[in-house]
N, C-alpha and C. Protein backbone atom coordinates (compact mmCIF):
# COMPACT_ATOMS: atom_id res chain seq x y z
N UNK A 1 127.44 78.00 93.92
CA UNK A 1 127.67 76.81 94.73
C UNK A 1 126.36 76.05 94.94
N UNK A 2 126.47 74.77 94.96
CA UNK A 2 125.35 73.89 95.21
C UNK A 2 124.93 73.98 96.69
N UNK A 3 123.62 74.02 97.02
CA UNK A 3 123.19 74.12 98.42
C UNK A 3 123.76 73.02 99.32
N UNK A 4 123.93 71.81 98.78
CA UNK A 4 124.50 70.71 99.58
C UNK A 4 125.97 70.94 99.87
N UNK A 5 126.65 71.73 99.05
CA UNK A 5 128.05 72.05 99.29
C UNK A 5 128.20 73.17 100.31
N UNK A 6 127.17 74.00 100.45
CA UNK A 6 127.21 75.12 101.40
C UNK A 6 126.87 74.63 102.80
N UNK A 7 125.74 73.93 102.95
CA UNK A 7 125.30 73.41 104.24
C UNK A 7 125.92 72.04 104.42
N UNK A 8 126.90 71.93 105.32
CA UNK A 8 127.59 70.65 105.52
C UNK A 8 126.79 69.71 106.42
N UNK A 9 126.41 70.20 107.61
CA UNK A 9 125.59 69.40 108.52
C UNK A 9 125.04 70.27 109.64
N UNK A 10 123.91 69.84 110.26
CA UNK A 10 123.34 70.61 111.38
C UNK A 10 124.07 70.27 112.68
N UNK A 11 124.09 71.23 113.58
CA UNK A 11 124.68 70.99 114.90
C UNK A 11 123.59 70.60 115.88
N UNK A 12 123.94 69.73 116.85
CA UNK A 12 122.97 69.28 117.82
C UNK A 12 123.44 69.44 119.25
N UNK A 13 124.37 70.34 119.49
CA UNK A 13 124.86 70.54 120.84
C UNK A 13 123.86 71.23 121.74
N UNK A 14 124.27 71.44 122.97
CA UNK A 14 123.38 72.05 123.96
C UNK A 14 122.97 73.46 123.56
N UNK A 15 123.93 74.26 123.13
CA UNK A 15 123.62 75.64 122.73
C UNK A 15 122.69 75.66 121.52
N UNK A 16 122.95 74.81 120.55
CA UNK A 16 122.10 74.74 119.36
C UNK A 16 120.68 74.32 119.73
N UNK A 17 120.56 73.43 120.69
CA UNK A 17 119.25 72.99 121.16
C UNK A 17 118.49 74.13 121.82
N UNK A 18 119.18 74.92 122.63
CA UNK A 18 118.54 76.07 123.29
C UNK A 18 118.14 77.13 122.26
N UNK A 19 118.92 77.28 121.21
CA UNK A 19 118.62 78.29 120.21
C UNK A 19 117.39 77.92 119.38
N UNK A 20 117.07 76.63 119.27
CA UNK A 20 115.88 76.23 118.53
C UNK A 20 114.62 76.77 119.19
N UNK A 21 114.66 76.99 120.51
CA UNK A 21 113.51 77.60 121.20
C UNK A 21 113.27 79.03 120.71
N UNK A 22 114.30 79.66 120.18
CA UNK A 22 114.20 81.02 119.63
C UNK A 22 114.01 81.00 118.12
N UNK A 23 113.68 79.82 117.57
CA UNK A 23 113.46 79.62 116.14
C UNK A 23 114.72 79.81 115.31
N UNK A 24 115.86 79.37 115.88
CA UNK A 24 117.15 79.46 115.20
C UNK A 24 117.74 78.07 115.02
N UNK A 25 118.17 77.78 113.80
CA UNK A 25 118.87 76.53 113.50
C UNK A 25 120.36 76.82 113.35
N UNK A 26 121.20 75.87 113.73
CA UNK A 26 122.65 76.05 113.62
C UNK A 26 123.22 74.97 112.70
N UNK A 27 124.03 75.44 111.75
CA UNK A 27 124.66 74.54 110.79
C UNK A 27 126.15 74.81 110.72
N UNK A 28 126.91 73.78 110.38
CA UNK A 28 128.30 73.97 109.97
C UNK A 28 128.23 74.15 108.47
N UNK A 29 128.87 75.22 107.99
CA UNK A 29 128.81 75.55 106.56
C UNK A 29 130.22 75.56 105.97
N UNK A 30 130.30 75.58 104.66
CA UNK A 30 131.61 75.60 104.01
C UNK A 30 132.33 76.90 104.32
N UNK A 31 133.64 76.86 104.35
CA UNK A 31 134.44 78.03 104.70
C UNK A 31 134.31 79.15 103.68
N UNK A 32 133.96 78.83 102.45
CA UNK A 32 133.85 79.83 101.40
C UNK A 32 132.49 80.50 101.35
N UNK A 33 131.51 79.98 102.08
CA UNK A 33 130.14 80.48 101.98
C UNK A 33 129.98 81.84 102.64
N UNK A 34 129.03 82.60 102.12
CA UNK A 34 128.68 83.92 102.63
C UNK A 34 127.24 83.88 103.16
N UNK A 35 126.85 84.92 103.89
CA UNK A 35 125.51 84.95 104.50
C UNK A 35 124.41 84.74 103.47
N UNK A 36 124.48 85.45 102.37
CA UNK A 36 123.45 85.37 101.33
C UNK A 36 123.37 83.95 100.77
N UNK A 37 124.53 83.31 100.56
CA UNK A 37 124.54 81.95 100.05
C UNK A 37 123.93 80.97 101.05
N UNK A 38 124.24 81.16 102.34
CA UNK A 38 123.68 80.28 103.37
C UNK A 38 122.16 80.46 103.43
N UNK A 39 121.71 81.71 103.38
CA UNK A 39 120.27 81.99 103.41
C UNK A 39 119.57 81.29 102.25
N UNK A 40 120.08 81.46 101.04
CA UNK A 40 119.47 80.85 99.86
C UNK A 40 119.50 79.33 99.94
N UNK A 41 120.59 78.76 100.44
CA UNK A 41 120.72 77.31 100.54
C UNK A 41 119.70 76.73 101.52
N UNK A 42 119.55 77.36 102.69
CA UNK A 42 118.59 76.87 103.69
C UNK A 42 117.17 76.99 103.15
N UNK A 43 116.86 78.12 102.51
CA UNK A 43 115.52 78.29 101.96
C UNK A 43 115.22 77.25 100.88
N UNK A 44 116.20 76.95 100.04
CA UNK A 44 115.99 75.97 98.97
C UNK A 44 115.91 74.55 99.51
N UNK A 45 116.80 74.19 100.43
CA UNK A 45 116.84 72.81 100.93
C UNK A 45 115.65 72.46 101.82
N UNK A 46 115.24 73.39 102.67
CA UNK A 46 114.22 73.08 103.69
C UNK A 46 112.89 73.77 103.45
N UNK A 47 112.76 74.51 102.34
CA UNK A 47 111.49 75.15 101.96
C UNK A 47 110.94 76.02 103.09
N UNK A 48 111.80 76.88 103.64
CA UNK A 48 111.42 77.81 104.70
C UNK A 48 111.82 79.23 104.30
N UNK A 49 111.38 80.21 105.07
CA UNK A 49 111.77 81.60 104.87
C UNK A 49 112.75 81.97 105.99
N UNK A 50 113.92 82.47 105.61
CA UNK A 50 114.96 82.86 106.57
C UNK A 50 114.92 84.37 106.76
N UNK A 51 114.94 84.82 108.02
CA UNK A 51 114.93 86.26 108.28
C UNK A 51 116.32 86.82 108.51
N UNK A 52 117.24 86.01 109.08
CA UNK A 52 118.61 86.50 109.30
C UNK A 52 119.59 85.33 109.42
N UNK A 53 120.85 85.65 109.14
CA UNK A 53 121.93 84.66 109.23
C UNK A 53 123.11 85.32 109.93
N UNK A 54 123.64 84.67 110.95
CA UNK A 54 124.87 85.11 111.61
C UNK A 54 125.91 84.02 111.42
N UNK A 55 127.11 84.42 110.99
CA UNK A 55 128.17 83.45 110.73
C UNK A 55 129.30 83.66 111.74
N UNK A 56 129.82 82.55 112.26
CA UNK A 56 130.88 82.57 113.26
C UNK A 56 131.99 81.63 112.80
N UNK A 57 133.22 82.10 112.84
CA UNK A 57 134.38 81.24 112.60
C UNK A 57 134.85 80.72 113.95
N UNK A 58 134.91 79.40 114.09
CA UNK A 58 135.30 78.80 115.36
C UNK A 58 136.82 78.68 115.46
N UNK A 59 137.29 78.43 116.67
CA UNK A 59 138.72 78.25 116.88
C UNK A 59 139.23 76.93 116.28
N UNK A 60 138.30 76.00 116.02
CA UNK A 60 138.67 74.72 115.40
C UNK A 60 138.81 74.85 113.89
N UNK A 61 138.58 76.03 113.34
CA UNK A 61 138.70 76.24 111.91
C UNK A 61 137.43 75.96 111.12
N UNK A 62 136.31 75.79 111.82
CA UNK A 62 135.03 75.56 111.16
C UNK A 62 134.26 76.87 111.09
N UNK A 63 133.24 76.87 110.25
CA UNK A 63 132.38 78.03 110.10
C UNK A 63 130.96 77.61 110.46
N UNK A 64 130.37 78.27 111.46
CA UNK A 64 129.01 77.96 111.88
C UNK A 64 128.08 79.08 111.45
N UNK A 65 126.84 78.70 111.13
CA UNK A 65 125.83 79.68 110.77
C UNK A 65 124.61 79.48 111.66
N UNK A 66 124.19 80.57 112.31
CA UNK A 66 122.95 80.59 113.08
C UNK A 66 121.90 81.20 112.17
N UNK A 67 120.88 80.43 111.83
CA UNK A 67 119.88 80.83 110.85
C UNK A 67 118.54 81.01 111.56
N UNK A 68 118.03 82.25 111.56
CA UNK A 68 116.73 82.53 112.18
C UNK A 68 115.65 82.37 111.13
N UNK A 69 114.65 81.55 111.46
CA UNK A 69 113.54 81.30 110.55
C UNK A 69 112.42 82.29 110.79
N UNK A 70 111.63 82.54 109.75
CA UNK A 70 110.44 83.36 109.86
C UNK A 70 109.49 82.71 110.86
N UNK A 71 108.68 83.52 111.51
CA UNK A 71 107.78 83.00 112.55
C UNK A 71 106.74 82.01 112.02
N UNK A 72 106.55 81.96 110.71
CA UNK A 72 105.61 81.01 110.11
C UNK A 72 106.13 79.58 110.18
N UNK A 73 107.43 79.43 110.38
CA UNK A 73 108.08 78.12 110.37
C UNK A 73 108.64 77.79 111.74
N UNK A 74 108.77 76.50 112.01
CA UNK A 74 109.26 76.05 113.31
C UNK A 74 110.62 75.38 113.18
N UNK A 75 111.59 75.89 113.92
CA UNK A 75 112.93 75.29 113.92
C UNK A 75 112.87 73.87 114.49
N UNK A 76 111.98 73.64 115.43
CA UNK A 76 111.82 72.30 116.02
C UNK A 76 111.37 71.30 114.96
N UNK A 77 110.44 71.69 114.11
CA UNK A 77 109.94 70.79 113.07
C UNK A 77 111.04 70.47 112.06
N UNK A 78 111.81 71.49 111.66
CA UNK A 78 112.89 71.26 110.71
C UNK A 78 113.94 70.36 111.34
N UNK A 79 114.27 70.58 112.62
CA UNK A 79 115.25 69.74 113.31
C UNK A 79 114.77 68.30 113.39
N UNK A 80 113.50 68.11 113.59
CA UNK A 80 112.93 66.76 113.62
C UNK A 80 113.07 66.09 112.26
N UNK A 81 112.81 66.84 111.19
CA UNK A 81 112.96 66.31 109.83
C UNK A 81 114.41 65.93 109.54
N UNK A 82 115.34 66.71 110.10
CA UNK A 82 116.77 66.45 109.89
C UNK A 82 117.27 65.29 110.73
N UNK A 83 116.48 64.86 111.71
CA UNK A 83 116.90 63.79 112.58
C UNK A 83 117.77 64.25 113.73
N UNK A 84 117.78 65.57 113.98
CA UNK A 84 118.59 66.13 115.06
C UNK A 84 117.94 65.83 116.40
N UNK A 85 116.62 65.82 116.44
CA UNK A 85 115.90 65.57 117.69
C UNK A 85 115.52 64.11 117.76
């Protein structure tokens, strides 16, 4: 799968904003994507190192991924580049 097909868009809600303080970015991802695919897509698209990925299926039928970045990288900086902040 193409990285742009896996990562649909970043989330900017209150919880996602609080999680950026813990160096975690939140994305809505395709329903078919797996943790390894999300990790590879984020690393390729944003040129960062990912340490872990947690995936959650929402009640609205969407799939969210919480992506923890390596301490060398800043979730705030990536969010700024994405235009989330």
